[in-house]
Amino acid sequence: MTIDRLKAEHLCDRLAAEEMSLTLKAVADGRCELSPDTVSRMLGGFQESLRPHVFSEKMIFESLLAAKSDEREIFG
């Protein structure tokens, strides 16, 4: 269940990153009709949405590394 949740989060993150990338390219090319404040808020919201995802994956990796160093069964 955790793996499925992480896959879904990765898909959402990738789609949001693609949208943010298109927006930033439009800003760089002078084709963006959004105000700089709106783009700034979009970028901040994108970063905030990634924060808990990155934290949870960091905790998973730390737990796996700790189990390996203690020679505990990881998947058993």
N, C-alpha and C. Protein backbone atom coordinates (compact mmCIF):
# COMPACT_ATOMS: atom_id res chain seq x y z
N MET A 1 0.82 -1.18 0.00
CA MET A 1 0.00 0.00 0.00
C MET A 1 0.88 1.26 0.00
N THR A 2 1.96 1.22 0.75
CA THR A 2 2.88 2.37 0.81
C THR A 2 3.51 2.62 -0.55
N ILE A 3 3.91 1.54 -1.22
CA ILE A 3 4.54 1.68 -2.53
C ILE A 3 3.55 2.31 -3.52
N ASP A 4 2.30 1.87 -3.49
CA ASP A 4 1.29 2.45 -4.38
C ASP A 4 1.08 3.93 -4.09
N ARG A 5 1.08 4.30 -2.81
CA ARG A 5 0.91 5.71 -2.43
C ARG A 5 2.08 6.54 -2.94
N LEU A 6 3.30 6.00 -2.78
CA LEU A 6 4.48 6.73 -3.24
C LEU A 6 4.48 6.88 -4.76
N LYS A 7 4.06 5.84 -5.47
CA LYS A 7 3.97 5.93 -6.93
C LYS A 7 2.99 7.02 -7.35
N ALA A 8 1.85 7.06 -6.67
CA ALA A 8 0.84 8.09 -6.98
C ALA A 8 1.39 9.48 -6.69
N GLU A 9 2.11 9.62 -5.57
CA GLU A 9 2.71 10.92 -5.23
C GLU A 9 3.73 11.33 -6.28
N HIS A 10 4.54 10.38 -6.74
CA HIS A 10 5.54 10.68 -7.76
C HIS A 10 4.88 11.15 -9.05
N LEU A 11 3.78 10.50 -9.43
CA LEU A 11 3.07 10.89 -10.64
C LEU A 11 2.54 12.31 -10.50
N CYS A 12 1.90 12.61 -9.38
CA CYS A 12 1.38 13.96 -9.15
C CYS A 12 2.50 14.99 -9.13
N ASP A 13 3.61 14.66 -8.48
CA ASP A 13 4.75 15.56 -8.43
C ASP A 13 5.30 15.83 -9.83
N ARG A 14 5.38 14.77 -10.64
CA ARG A 14 5.92 14.92 -11.99
C ARG A 14 5.01 15.81 -12.83
N LEU A 15 3.71 15.60 -12.73
CA LEU A 15 2.77 16.43 -13.50
C LEU A 15 2.82 17.89 -13.05
N ALA A 16 2.91 18.11 -11.74
CA ALA A 16 3.02 19.48 -11.23
C ALA A 16 4.33 20.13 -11.67
N ALA A 17 5.41 19.34 -11.69
CA ALA A 17 6.70 19.87 -12.13
C ALA A 17 6.67 20.23 -13.61
N GLU A 18 6.00 19.41 -14.41
CA GLU A 18 5.89 19.72 -15.84
C GLU A 18 5.11 21.01 -16.05
N GLU A 19 4.03 21.17 -15.30
CA GLU A 19 3.24 22.40 -15.41
C GLU A 19 4.05 23.62 -14.97
N MET A 20 4.79 23.47 -13.87
CA MET A 20 5.61 24.58 -13.39
C MET A 20 6.70 24.91 -14.40
N SER A 21 7.28 23.88 -15.00
CA SER A 21 8.32 24.08 -16.02
C SER A 21 7.78 24.85 -17.21
N LEU A 22 6.59 24.48 -17.68
CA LEU A 22 5.98 25.20 -18.80
C LEU A 22 5.71 26.65 -18.45
N THR A 23 5.25 26.88 -17.23
CA THR A 23 4.97 28.25 -16.79
C THR A 23 6.26 29.07 -16.74
N LEU A 24 7.32 28.50 -16.18
CA LEU A 24 8.59 29.24 -16.08
C LEU A 24 9.20 29.49 -17.46
N LYS A 25 9.04 28.54 -18.38
CA LYS A 25 9.53 28.76 -19.75
C LYS A 25 8.75 29.89 -20.41
N ALA A 26 7.45 29.93 -20.17
CA ALA A 26 6.62 31.01 -20.73
C ALA A 26 7.04 32.36 -20.17
N VAL A 27 7.36 32.39 -18.87
CA VAL A 27 7.84 33.63 -18.25
C VAL A 27 9.16 34.05 -18.91
N ALA A 28 10.07 33.10 -19.06
CA ALA A 28 11.38 33.41 -19.66
C ALA A 28 11.26 33.90 -21.10
N ASP A 29 10.26 33.38 -21.83
CA ASP A 29 10.08 33.76 -23.23
C ASP A 29 9.19 34.99 -23.39
N GLY A 30 8.69 35.51 -22.27
CA GLY A 30 7.81 36.68 -22.33
C GLY A 30 6.41 36.35 -22.82
N ARG A 31 6.01 35.08 -22.72
CA ARG A 31 4.69 34.66 -23.19
C ARG A 31 3.70 34.43 -22.05
N CYS A 32 4.08 34.74 -20.83
CA CYS A 32 3.24 34.45 -19.67
C CYS A 32 2.35 35.64 -19.35
N GLU A 33 1.05 35.37 -19.22
CA GLU A 33 0.10 36.44 -18.89
C GLU A 33 -0.13 36.55 -17.39
N LEU A 34 0.51 35.69 -16.62
CA LEU A 34 0.35 35.73 -15.17
C LEU A 34 1.24 36.81 -14.58
N SER A 35 0.81 37.37 -13.47
CA SER A 35 1.64 38.38 -12.80
C SER A 35 2.82 37.69 -12.13
N PRO A 36 3.91 38.42 -11.93
CA PRO A 36 5.06 37.85 -11.23
C PRO A 36 4.68 37.34 -9.84
N ASP A 37 3.77 38.02 -9.17
CA ASP A 37 3.33 37.58 -7.84
C ASP A 37 2.63 36.22 -7.93
N THR A 38 1.81 36.04 -8.95
CA THR A 38 1.10 34.76 -9.12
C THR A 38 2.09 33.63 -9.41
N VAL A 39 3.05 33.89 -10.26
CA VAL A 39 4.07 32.87 -10.58
C VAL A 39 4.88 32.54 -9.32
N SER A 40 5.21 33.56 -8.55
CA SER A 40 5.95 33.35 -7.31
C SER A 40 5.16 32.48 -6.34
N ARG A 41 3.89 32.74 -6.22
CA ARG A 41 3.03 31.94 -5.33
C ARG A 41 2.89 30.50 -5.84
N MET A 42 2.81 30.35 -7.16
CA MET A 42 2.75 29.00 -7.74
C MET A 42 4.00 28.21 -7.40
N LEU A 43 5.15 28.86 -7.56
CA LEU A 43 6.42 28.19 -7.28
C LEU A 43 6.53 27.84 -5.80
N GLY A 44 6.13 28.75 -4.93
CA GLY A 44 6.16 28.47 -3.49
C GLY A 44 5.23 27.32 -3.12
N GLY A 45 4.03 27.30 -3.72
CA GLY A 45 3.09 26.21 -3.45
C GLY A 45 3.63 24.88 -3.94
N PHE A 46 4.28 24.89 -5.09
CA PHE A 46 4.89 23.66 -5.62
C PHE A 46 5.96 23.14 -4.66
N GLN A 47 6.81 24.03 -4.20
CA GLN A 47 7.87 23.63 -3.26
C GLN A 47 7.28 23.09 -1.96
N GLU A 48 6.25 23.74 -1.46
CA GLU A 48 5.62 23.28 -0.22
C GLU A 48 4.96 21.92 -0.38
N SER A 49 4.41 21.65 -1.55
CA SER A 49 3.76 20.35 -1.78
C SER A 49 4.78 19.22 -1.84
N LEU A 50 6.00 19.54 -2.24
CA LEU A 50 7.05 18.51 -2.30
C LEU A 50 7.67 18.22 -0.93
N ARG A 51 7.64 19.18 -0.04
CA ARG A 51 8.33 19.07 1.25
C ARG A 51 7.94 17.81 2.04
N PRO A 52 6.65 17.53 2.27
CA PRO A 52 6.30 16.33 3.05
C PRO A 52 6.66 15.04 2.32
N HIS A 53 6.57 15.07 0.99
CA HIS A 53 6.92 13.89 0.20
C HIS A 53 8.41 13.57 0.37
N VAL A 54 9.25 14.56 0.23
CA VAL A 54 10.69 14.37 0.38
C VAL A 54 11.02 13.91 1.80
N PHE A 55 10.36 14.49 2.79
CA PHE A 55 10.60 14.11 4.19
C PHE A 55 10.24 12.64 4.43
N SER A 56 9.09 12.20 3.93
CA SER A 56 8.69 10.81 4.17
C SER A 56 9.63 9.84 3.49
N GLU A 57 10.09 10.17 2.28
CA GLU A 57 11.04 9.27 1.61
C GLU A 57 12.38 9.26 2.32
N LYS A 58 12.79 10.39 2.85
CA LYS A 58 14.04 10.44 3.61
C LYS A 58 13.94 9.52 4.83
N MET A 59 12.79 9.54 5.51
CA MET A 59 12.59 8.69 6.69
C MET A 59 12.60 7.21 6.31
N ILE A 60 12.01 6.88 5.17
CA ILE A 60 12.02 5.48 4.70
C ILE A 60 13.45 5.02 4.45
N PHE A 61 14.22 5.82 3.74
CA PHE A 61 15.61 5.45 3.45
C PHE A 61 16.44 5.32 4.73
N GLU A 62 16.26 6.25 5.66
CA GLU A 62 17.00 6.16 6.92
C GLU A 62 16.64 4.88 7.68
N SER A 63 15.37 4.51 7.67
CA SER A 63 14.94 3.28 8.34
C SER A 63 15.53 2.04 7.67
N LEU A 64 15.55 2.03 6.35
CA LEU A 64 16.13 0.91 5.62
C LEU A 64 17.63 0.80 5.87
N LEU A 65 18.32 1.93 5.87
CA LEU A 65 19.76 1.91 6.14
C LEU A 65 20.07 1.46 7.57
N ALA A 66 19.25 1.90 8.52
CA ALA A 66 19.45 1.49 9.91
C ALA A 66 19.23 -0.01 10.06
N ALA A 67 18.20 -0.53 9.41
CA ALA A 67 17.93 -1.97 9.48
C ALA A 67 19.08 -2.76 8.86
N LYS A 68 19.61 -2.27 7.75
CA LYS A 68 20.73 -2.95 7.10
C LYS A 68 21.97 -2.94 7.97
N SER A 69 22.27 -1.80 8.59
CA SER A 69 23.47 -1.71 9.42
C SER A 69 23.34 -2.57 10.68
N ASP A 70 22.11 -2.77 11.17
CA ASP A 70 21.88 -3.64 12.33
C ASP A 70 21.71 -5.10 11.92
N GLU A 71 21.85 -5.35 10.62
CA GLU A 71 21.68 -6.69 10.04
C GLU A 71 20.32 -7.28 10.36
N ARG A 72 19.29 -6.41 10.37
CA ARG A 72 17.92 -6.87 10.55
C ARG A 72 17.30 -7.17 9.21
N GLU A 73 16.32 -8.06 9.23
CA GLU A 73 15.58 -8.40 8.03
C GLU A 73 14.81 -7.16 7.56
N ILE A 74 14.96 -6.78 6.31
CA ILE A 74 14.28 -5.60 5.80
C ILE A 74 12.91 -5.97 5.25
N PHE A 75 12.89 -6.92 4.34
CA PHE A 75 11.63 -7.39 3.78
C PHE A 75 11.55 -8.88 4.07
N GLY A 76 10.69 -9.23 4.99
CA GLY A 76 10.69 -10.65 5.33
C GLY A 76 9.38 -11.22 5.69
